[in-house]
Full PDB file with SEQRES, HELIX, SHEET, SSBOND, CRYST1, ORIGX, SCALE, CONECT and MASTER records, all heavy atoms in Angstrom:
SEQRES   1 A   29  ALA PHE LEU PRO ALA MET LYS SER ARG ARG ALA GLY ARG          
SEQRES   2 A   29  ILE ILE VAL SER SER SER ILE GLY GLY LEU GLN GLY LEU          
SEQRES   3 A   29  PRO PHE ASN                                                  
HELIX    1 AA1 LEU A    3  ARG A    9  1                                   7    
HELIX    2 AA2 ILE A   20  GLY A   22  5                                   3    
CRYST1    1.000    1.000    1.000  90.00  90.00  90.00 P 1           1          
ORIGX1      1.000000  0.000000  0.000000        0.00000                         
ORIGX2      0.000000  1.000000  0.000000        0.00000                         
ORIGX3      0.000000  0.000000  1.000000        0.00000                         
SCALE1      1.000000  0.000000  0.000000        0.00000                         
SCALE2      0.000000  1.000000  0.000000        0.00000                         
SCALE3      0.000000  0.000000  1.000000        0.00000                         
ATOM      1  N   ALA A   1      20.902 -10.971  12.713  1.00  0.00           N  
ATOM      2  CA  ALA A   1      21.125 -12.476  12.876  1.00  0.00           C  
ATOM      3  C   ALA A   1      22.564 -12.910  13.149  1.00  0.00           C  
ATOM      4  O   ALA A   1      22.870 -13.784  14.083  1.00  0.00           O  
ATOM      5  CB  ALA A   1      20.540 -13.224  11.801  1.00  0.00           C  
ATOM      6  N   PHE A   2      23.485 -12.271  12.487  1.00  0.00           N  
ATOM      7  CA  PHE A   2      24.913 -12.769  12.664  1.00  0.00           C  
ATOM      8  C   PHE A   2      25.820 -11.769  13.433  1.00  0.00           C  
ATOM      9  O   PHE A   2      26.921 -12.196  13.713  1.00  0.00           O  
ATOM     10  CB  PHE A   2      25.478 -12.944  11.123  1.00  0.00           C  
ATOM     11  CG  PHE A   2      24.841 -14.015  10.368  1.00  0.00           C  
ATOM     12  CD1 PHE A   2      23.865 -13.710   9.472  1.00  0.00           C  
ATOM     13  CD2 PHE A   2      25.297 -15.281  10.469  1.00  0.00           C  
ATOM     14  CE1 PHE A   2      23.250 -14.763   8.727  1.00  0.00           C  
ATOM     15  CE2 PHE A   2      24.646 -16.341   9.822  1.00  0.00           C  
ATOM     16  CZ  PHE A   2      23.717 -16.114   8.913  1.00  0.00           C  
ATOM     17  N   LEU A   3      25.258 -10.631  13.814  1.00  0.00           N  
ATOM     18  CA  LEU A   3      26.121  -9.755  14.517  1.00  0.00           C  
ATOM     19  C   LEU A   3      26.467 -10.096  15.969  1.00  0.00           C  
ATOM     20  O   LEU A   3      27.503  -9.929  16.331  1.00  0.00           O  
ATOM     21  CB  LEU A   3      25.347  -8.323  14.607  1.00  0.00           C  
ATOM     22  CG  LEU A   3      26.115  -7.161  15.103  1.00  0.00           C  
ATOM     23  CD1 LEU A   3      27.437  -7.035  14.334  1.00  0.00           C  
ATOM     24  CD2 LEU A   3      25.353  -5.889  15.104  1.00  0.00           C  
ATOM     25  N   PRO A   4      25.559 -10.788  16.723  1.00  0.00           N  
ATOM     26  CA  PRO A   4      25.919 -11.105  18.169  1.00  0.00           C  
ATOM     27  C   PRO A   4      27.163 -11.966  18.161  1.00  0.00           C  
ATOM     28  O   PRO A   4      28.178 -11.811  19.005  1.00  0.00           O  
ATOM     29  CB  PRO A   4      24.713 -11.874  18.550  1.00  0.00           C  
ATOM     30  CG  PRO A   4      23.638 -11.210  17.897  1.00  0.00           C  
ATOM     31  CD  PRO A   4      24.168 -10.971  16.418  1.00  0.00           C  
ATOM     32  N   ALA A   5      27.341 -12.866  17.277  1.00  0.00           N  
ATOM     33  CA  ALA A   5      28.523 -13.889  17.335  1.00  0.00           C  
ATOM     34  C   ALA A   5      29.784 -13.140  17.013  1.00  0.00           C  
ATOM     35  O   ALA A   5      30.866 -13.266  17.465  1.00  0.00           O  
ATOM     36  CB  ALA A   5      28.371 -15.002  16.325  1.00  0.00           C  
ATOM     37  N   MET A   6      29.707 -12.151  15.959  1.00  0.00           N  
ATOM     38  CA  MET A   6      30.793 -11.251  15.603  1.00  0.00           C  
ATOM     39  C   MET A   6      31.270 -10.351  16.761  1.00  0.00           C  
ATOM     40  O   MET A   6      32.451 -10.236  17.087  1.00  0.00           O  
ATOM     41  CB  MET A   6      30.453 -10.407  14.482  1.00  0.00           C  
ATOM     42  CG  MET A   6      30.496 -11.205  12.977  1.00  0.00           C  
ATOM     43  SD  MET A   6      30.210  -9.923  11.713  1.00  0.00           S  
ATOM     44  CE  MET A   6      30.397 -11.025  10.272  1.00  0.00           C  
ATOM     45  N   LYS A   7      30.212  -9.888  17.485  1.00  0.00           N  
ATOM     46  CA  LYS A   7      30.539  -9.058  18.656  1.00  0.00           C  
ATOM     47  C   LYS A   7      31.165  -9.835  19.768  1.00  0.00           C  
ATOM     48  O   LYS A   7      32.167  -9.344  20.313  1.00  0.00           O  
ATOM     49  CB  LYS A   7      29.246  -8.386  19.226  1.00  0.00           C  
ATOM     50  CG  LYS A   7      28.820  -7.057  18.496  1.00  0.00           C  
ATOM     51  CD  LYS A   7      27.789  -6.447  19.162  1.00  0.00           C  
ATOM     52  CE  LYS A   7      27.372  -5.047  18.656  1.00  0.00           C  
ATOM     53  NZ  LYS A   7      26.239  -4.452  19.338  1.00  0.00           N  
ATOM     54  N   SER A   8      30.782 -11.056  19.986  1.00  0.00           N  
ATOM     55  CA  SER A   8      31.413 -11.930  20.943  1.00  0.00           C  
ATOM     56  C   SER A   8      32.859 -12.157  20.632  1.00  0.00           C  
ATOM     57  O   SER A   8      33.662 -12.227  21.641  1.00  0.00           O  
ATOM     58  CB  SER A   8      30.627 -13.270  21.102  1.00  0.00           C  
ATOM     59  OG  SER A   8      29.184 -13.091  21.603  1.00  0.00           O  
ATOM     60  N   ARG A   9      33.196 -12.370  19.460  1.00  0.00           N  
ATOM     61  CA  ARG A   9      34.443 -12.799  18.897  1.00  0.00           C  
ATOM     62  C   ARG A   9      35.329 -11.420  18.814  1.00  0.00           C  
ATOM     63  O   ARG A   9      36.574 -11.483  18.776  1.00  0.00           O  
ATOM     64  CB  ARG A   9      34.461 -13.406  17.599  1.00  0.00           C  
ATOM     65  CG  ARG A   9      33.897 -14.857  17.616  1.00  0.00           C  
ATOM     66  CD  ARG A   9      33.947 -15.408  16.176  1.00  0.00           C  
ATOM     67  NE  ARG A   9      35.158 -15.231  15.503  1.00  0.00           N  
ATOM     68  CZ  ARG A   9      35.473 -14.901  14.255  1.00  0.00           C  
ATOM     69  NH1 ARG A   9      34.339 -14.517  13.471  1.00  0.00           N  
ATOM     70  NH2 ARG A   9      36.641 -14.915  13.787  1.00  0.00           N  
ATOM     71  N   ARG A  10      34.643 -10.317  18.759  1.00  0.00           N  
ATOM     72  CA  ARG A  10      35.272  -9.041  18.531  1.00  0.00           C  
ATOM     73  C   ARG A  10      36.148  -9.067  17.220  1.00  0.00           C  
ATOM     74  O   ARG A  10      37.243  -8.664  17.185  1.00  0.00           O  
ATOM     75  CB  ARG A  10      36.206  -8.555  19.787  1.00  0.00           C  
ATOM     76  CG  ARG A  10      35.319  -8.234  20.894  1.00  0.00           C  
ATOM     77  CD  ARG A  10      36.207  -7.657  22.107  1.00  0.00           C  
ATOM     78  NE  ARG A  10      35.294  -7.181  23.099  1.00  0.00           N  
ATOM     79  CZ  ARG A  10      34.830  -5.928  23.205  1.00  0.00           C  
ATOM     80  NH1 ARG A  10      35.236  -5.024  22.336  1.00  0.00           N  
ATOM     81  NH2 ARG A  10      34.036  -5.521  24.136  1.00  0.00           N  
ATOM     82  N   ALA A  11      35.423  -9.482  16.156  1.00  0.00           N  
ATOM     83  CA  ALA A  11      36.162  -9.574  14.889  1.00  0.00           C  
ATOM     84  C   ALA A  11      34.924  -9.904  13.867  1.00  0.00           C  
ATOM     85  O   ALA A  11      34.033 -10.657  14.025  1.00  0.00           O  
ATOM     86  CB  ALA A  11      37.084 -10.742  14.824  1.00  0.00           C  
ATOM     87  N   GLY A  12      35.225  -9.243  12.633  1.00  0.00           N  
ATOM     88  CA  GLY A  12      34.345  -9.437  11.568  1.00  0.00           C  
ATOM     89  C   GLY A  12      34.267  -8.375  10.631  1.00  0.00           C  
ATOM     90  O   GLY A  12      34.774  -7.146  10.876  1.00  0.00           O  
ATOM     91  N   ARG A  13      33.756  -8.755   9.413  1.00  0.00           N  
ATOM     92  CA  ARG A  13      33.576  -7.722   8.364  1.00  0.00           C  
ATOM     93  C   ARG A  13      32.135  -7.805   7.873  1.00  0.00           C  
ATOM     94  O   ARG A  13      31.801  -8.879   7.487  1.00  0.00           O  
ATOM     95  CB  ARG A  13      34.662  -7.749   7.307  1.00  0.00           C  
ATOM     96  CG  ARG A  13      34.303  -6.668   6.181  1.00  0.00           C  
ATOM     97  CD  ARG A  13      35.537  -6.629   5.213  1.00  0.00           C  
ATOM     98  NE  ARG A  13      36.852  -6.188   5.808  1.00  0.00           N  
ATOM     99  CZ  ARG A  13      37.043  -4.826   5.938  1.00  0.00           C  
ATOM    100  NH1 ARG A  13      36.039  -3.981   5.583  1.00  0.00           N  
ATOM    101  NH2 ARG A  13      38.224  -4.475   6.458  1.00  0.00           N  
ATOM    102  N   ILE A  14      31.490  -6.779   7.625  1.00  0.00           N  
ATOM    103  CA  ILE A  14      30.183  -6.834   7.099  1.00  0.00           C  
ATOM    104  C   ILE A  14      30.270  -5.911   5.786  1.00  0.00           C  
ATOM    105  O   ILE A  14      30.664  -4.909   5.847  1.00  0.00           O  
ATOM    106  CB  ILE A  14      29.033  -6.276   7.997  1.00  0.00           C  
ATOM    107  CG1 ILE A  14      28.912  -7.131   9.237  1.00  0.00           C  
ATOM    108  CG2 ILE A  14      27.686  -6.225   7.347  1.00  0.00           C  
ATOM    109  CD1 ILE A  14      28.104  -6.498  10.408  1.00  0.00           C  
ATOM    110  N   ILE A  15      29.774  -6.453   4.606  1.00  0.00           N  
ATOM    111  CA  ILE A  15      29.828  -5.694   3.329  1.00  0.00           C  
ATOM    112  C   ILE A  15      28.354  -5.786   2.819  1.00  0.00           C  
ATOM    113  O   ILE A  15      27.730  -6.718   2.773  1.00  0.00           O  
ATOM    114  CB  ILE A  15      30.694  -6.458   2.329  1.00  0.00           C  
ATOM    115  CG1 ILE A  15      32.125  -6.652   2.849  1.00  0.00           C  
ATOM    116  CG2 ILE A  15      30.695  -5.828   0.963  1.00  0.00           C  
ATOM    117  CD1 ILE A  15      33.129  -7.438   1.993  1.00  0.00           C  
ATOM    118  N   VAL A  16      28.007  -4.493   2.594  1.00  0.00           N  
ATOM    119  CA  VAL A  16      26.591  -4.327   2.201  1.00  0.00           C  
ATOM    120  C   VAL A  16      26.477  -3.823   0.773  1.00  0.00           C  
ATOM    121  O   VAL A  16      27.163  -2.787   0.487  1.00  0.00           O  
ATOM    122  CB  VAL A  16      25.816  -3.401   3.056  1.00  0.00           C  
ATOM    123  CG1 VAL A  16      24.335  -3.211   2.653  1.00  0.00           C  
ATOM    124  CG2 VAL A  16      25.857  -3.883   4.646  1.00  0.00           C  
ATOM    125  N   SER A  17      25.726  -4.484  -0.150  1.00  0.00           N  
ATOM    126  CA  SER A  17      25.577  -3.927  -1.500  1.00  0.00           C  
ATOM    127  C   SER A  17      24.641  -2.729  -1.521  1.00  0.00           C  
ATOM    128  O   SER A  17      23.329  -2.897  -1.301  1.00  0.00           O  
ATOM    129  CB  SER A  17      24.964  -5.029  -2.437  1.00  0.00           C  
ATOM    130  OG  SER A  17      25.960  -6.031  -2.657  1.00  0.00           O  
ATOM    131  N   SER A  18      25.093  -1.517  -1.883  1.00  0.00           N  
ATOM    132  CA  SER A  18      24.317  -0.373  -1.958  1.00  0.00           C  
ATOM    133  C   SER A  18      24.266  -0.082  -3.426  1.00  0.00           C  
ATOM    134  O   SER A  18      24.334  -0.945  -4.335  1.00  0.00           O  
ATOM    135  CB  SER A  18      24.839   0.765  -1.168  1.00  0.00           C  
ATOM    136  OG  SER A  18      24.031   1.918  -1.219  1.00  0.00           O  
ATOM    137  N   SER A  19      24.168   1.214  -3.794  1.00  0.00           N  
ATOM    138  CA  SER A  19      24.056   1.640  -5.187  1.00  0.00           C  
ATOM    139  C   SER A  19      24.407   3.132  -5.322  1.00  0.00           C  
ATOM    140  O   SER A  19      24.270   3.885  -4.262  1.00  0.00           O  
ATOM    141  CB  SER A  19      22.630   1.430  -5.631  1.00  0.00           C  
ATOM    142  OG  SER A  19      22.323   1.999  -6.823  1.00  0.00           O  
ATOM    143  N   ILE A  20      24.576   3.537  -6.515  1.00  0.00           N  
ATOM    144  CA  ILE A  20      24.777   5.024  -6.685  1.00  0.00           C  
ATOM    145  C   ILE A  20      23.309   5.600  -6.462  1.00  0.00           C  
ATOM    146  O   ILE A  20      23.355   6.824  -6.195  1.00  0.00           O  
ATOM    147  CB  ILE A  20      25.213   5.357  -8.032  1.00  0.00           C  
ATOM    148  CG1 ILE A  20      24.329   4.759  -9.195  1.00  0.00           C  
ATOM    149  CG2 ILE A  20      26.688   4.937  -8.334  1.00  0.00           C  
ATOM    150  CD1 ILE A  20      24.693   5.266 -10.668  1.00  0.00           C  
ATOM    151  N   GLY A  21      22.269   4.766  -6.501  1.00  0.00           N  
ATOM    152  CA  GLY A  21      20.972   5.188  -6.196  1.00  0.00           C  
ATOM    153  C   GLY A  21      20.802   5.449  -4.658  1.00  0.00           C  
ATOM    154  O   GLY A  21      19.783   5.889  -4.241  1.00  0.00           O  
ATOM    155  N   GLY A  22      21.781   5.149  -3.938  1.00  0.00           N  
ATOM    156  CA  GLY A  22      21.814   5.436  -2.489  1.00  0.00           C  
ATOM    157  C   GLY A  22      22.499   6.799  -2.202  1.00  0.00           C  
ATOM    158  O   GLY A  22      22.540   7.274  -1.112  1.00  0.00           O  
ATOM    159  N   LEU A  23      23.097   7.361  -3.259  1.00  0.00           N  
ATOM    160  CA  LEU A  23      23.709   8.589  -3.309  1.00  0.00           C  
ATOM    161  C   LEU A  23      23.115   9.827  -3.902  1.00  0.00           C  
ATOM    162  O   LEU A  23      23.219  10.904  -3.520  1.00  0.00           O  
ATOM    163  CB  LEU A  23      25.209   8.458  -3.803  1.00  0.00           C  
ATOM    164  CG  LEU A  23      26.146   7.472  -3.230  1.00  0.00           C  
ATOM    165  CD1 LEU A  23      27.407   7.304  -3.950  1.00  0.00           C  
ATOM    166  CD2 LEU A  23      26.600   7.800  -1.714  1.00  0.00           C  
ATOM    167  N   GLN A  24      22.392   9.408  -4.902  1.00  0.00           N  
ATOM    168  CA  GLN A  24      21.539  10.447  -5.790  1.00  0.00           C  
ATOM    169  C   GLN A  24      20.355   9.720  -6.307  1.00  0.00           C  
ATOM    170  O   GLN A  24      20.302   8.588  -6.561  1.00  0.00           O  
ATOM    171  CB  GLN A  24      22.439  11.065  -6.892  1.00  0.00           C  
ATOM    172  CG  GLN A  24      22.862   9.968  -7.886  1.00  0.00           C  
ATOM    173  CD  GLN A  24      23.775  10.464  -8.946  1.00  0.00           C  
ATOM    174  OE1 GLN A  24      24.781  11.069  -8.632  1.00  0.00           O  
ATOM    175  NE2 GLN A  24      23.338  10.331 -10.181  1.00  0.00           N  
ATOM    176  N   GLY A  25      19.304  10.567  -6.419  1.00  0.00           N  
ATOM    177  CA  GLY A  25      18.119  10.147  -7.067  1.00  0.00           C  
ATOM    178  C   GLY A  25      18.172   9.791  -8.506  1.00  0.00           C  
ATOM    179  O   GLY A  25      18.916  10.445  -9.187  1.00  0.00           O  
ATOM    180  N   LEU A  26      17.460   8.692  -8.881  1.00  0.00           N  
ATOM    181  CA  LEU A  26      17.492   8.399 -10.426  1.00  0.00           C  
ATOM    182  C   LEU A  26      16.059   8.368 -10.927  1.00  0.00           C  
ATOM    183  O   LEU A  26      15.137   7.865 -10.296  1.00  0.00           O  
ATOM    184  CB  LEU A  26      18.056   7.048 -10.580  1.00  0.00           C  
ATOM    185  CG  LEU A  26      19.461   6.764  -9.967  1.00  0.00           C  
ATOM    186  CD1 LEU A  26      19.988   5.351  -9.984  1.00  0.00           C  
ATOM    187  CD2 LEU A  26      20.598   7.664 -10.679  1.00  0.00           C  
ATOM    188  N   PRO A  27      15.933   9.017 -11.974  1.00  0.00           N  
ATOM    189  CA  PRO A  27      14.559   9.067 -12.649  1.00  0.00           C  
ATOM    190  C   PRO A  27      13.827   7.698 -12.692  1.00  0.00           C  
ATOM    191  O   PRO A  27      14.432   6.728 -13.187  1.00  0.00           O  
ATOM    192  CB  PRO A  27      14.787   9.710 -14.097  1.00  0.00           C  
ATOM    193  CG  PRO A  27      16.029  10.379 -13.919  1.00  0.00           C  
ATOM    194  CD  PRO A  27      16.907   9.571 -12.948  1.00  0.00           C  
ATOM    195  N   PHE A  28      12.609   7.664 -12.286  1.00  0.00           N  
ATOM    196  CA  PHE A  28      11.782   6.454 -12.315  1.00  0.00           C  
ATOM    197  C   PHE A  28      12.229   5.366 -11.380  1.00  0.00           C  
ATOM    198  O   PHE A  28      11.697   4.257 -11.453  1.00  0.00           O  
ATOM    199  CB  PHE A  28      11.622   5.995 -13.828  1.00  0.00           C  
ATOM    200  CG  PHE A  28      11.029   6.959 -14.801  1.00  0.00           C  
ATOM    201  CD1 PHE A  28      11.907   7.449 -15.763  1.00  0.00           C  
ATOM    202  CD2 PHE A  28       9.773   7.340 -14.575  1.00  0.00           C  
ATOM    203  CE1 PHE A  28      11.423   8.331 -16.629  1.00  0.00           C  
ATOM    204  CE2 PHE A  28       9.287   8.379 -15.528  1.00  0.00           C  
ATOM    205  CZ  PHE A  28      10.114   8.855 -16.513  1.00  0.00           C  
ATOM    206  N   ASN A  29      13.121   5.716 -10.507  1.00  0.00           N  
ATOM    207  CA  ASN A  29      13.596   4.781  -9.559  1.00  0.00           C  
ATOM    208  C   ASN A  29      13.451   5.311  -8.111  1.00  0.00           C  
ATOM    209  O   ASN A  29      14.231   5.096  -7.153  1.00  0.00           O  
ATOM    210  CB  ASN A  29      15.109   4.472  -9.724  1.00  0.00           C  
ATOM    211  CG  ASN A  29      15.279   3.457 -10.825  1.00  0.00           C  
ATOM    212  OD1 ASN A  29      15.279   2.237 -10.532  1.00  0.00           O  
ATOM    213  ND2 ASN A  29      15.559   3.947 -12.001  1.00  0.00           N  
TER     214      ASN A  29                                                      
MASTER        0    0    0    2    0    0    0    6  213    1    0    3          
END                                                                             
């Protein structure tokens, strides 16, 4: 949704909340 405007301006930062659960498996998760 927001990327086209950033591309047009050729500027921006996107920060995404991940987790250590994106690096290794966690029991029951």
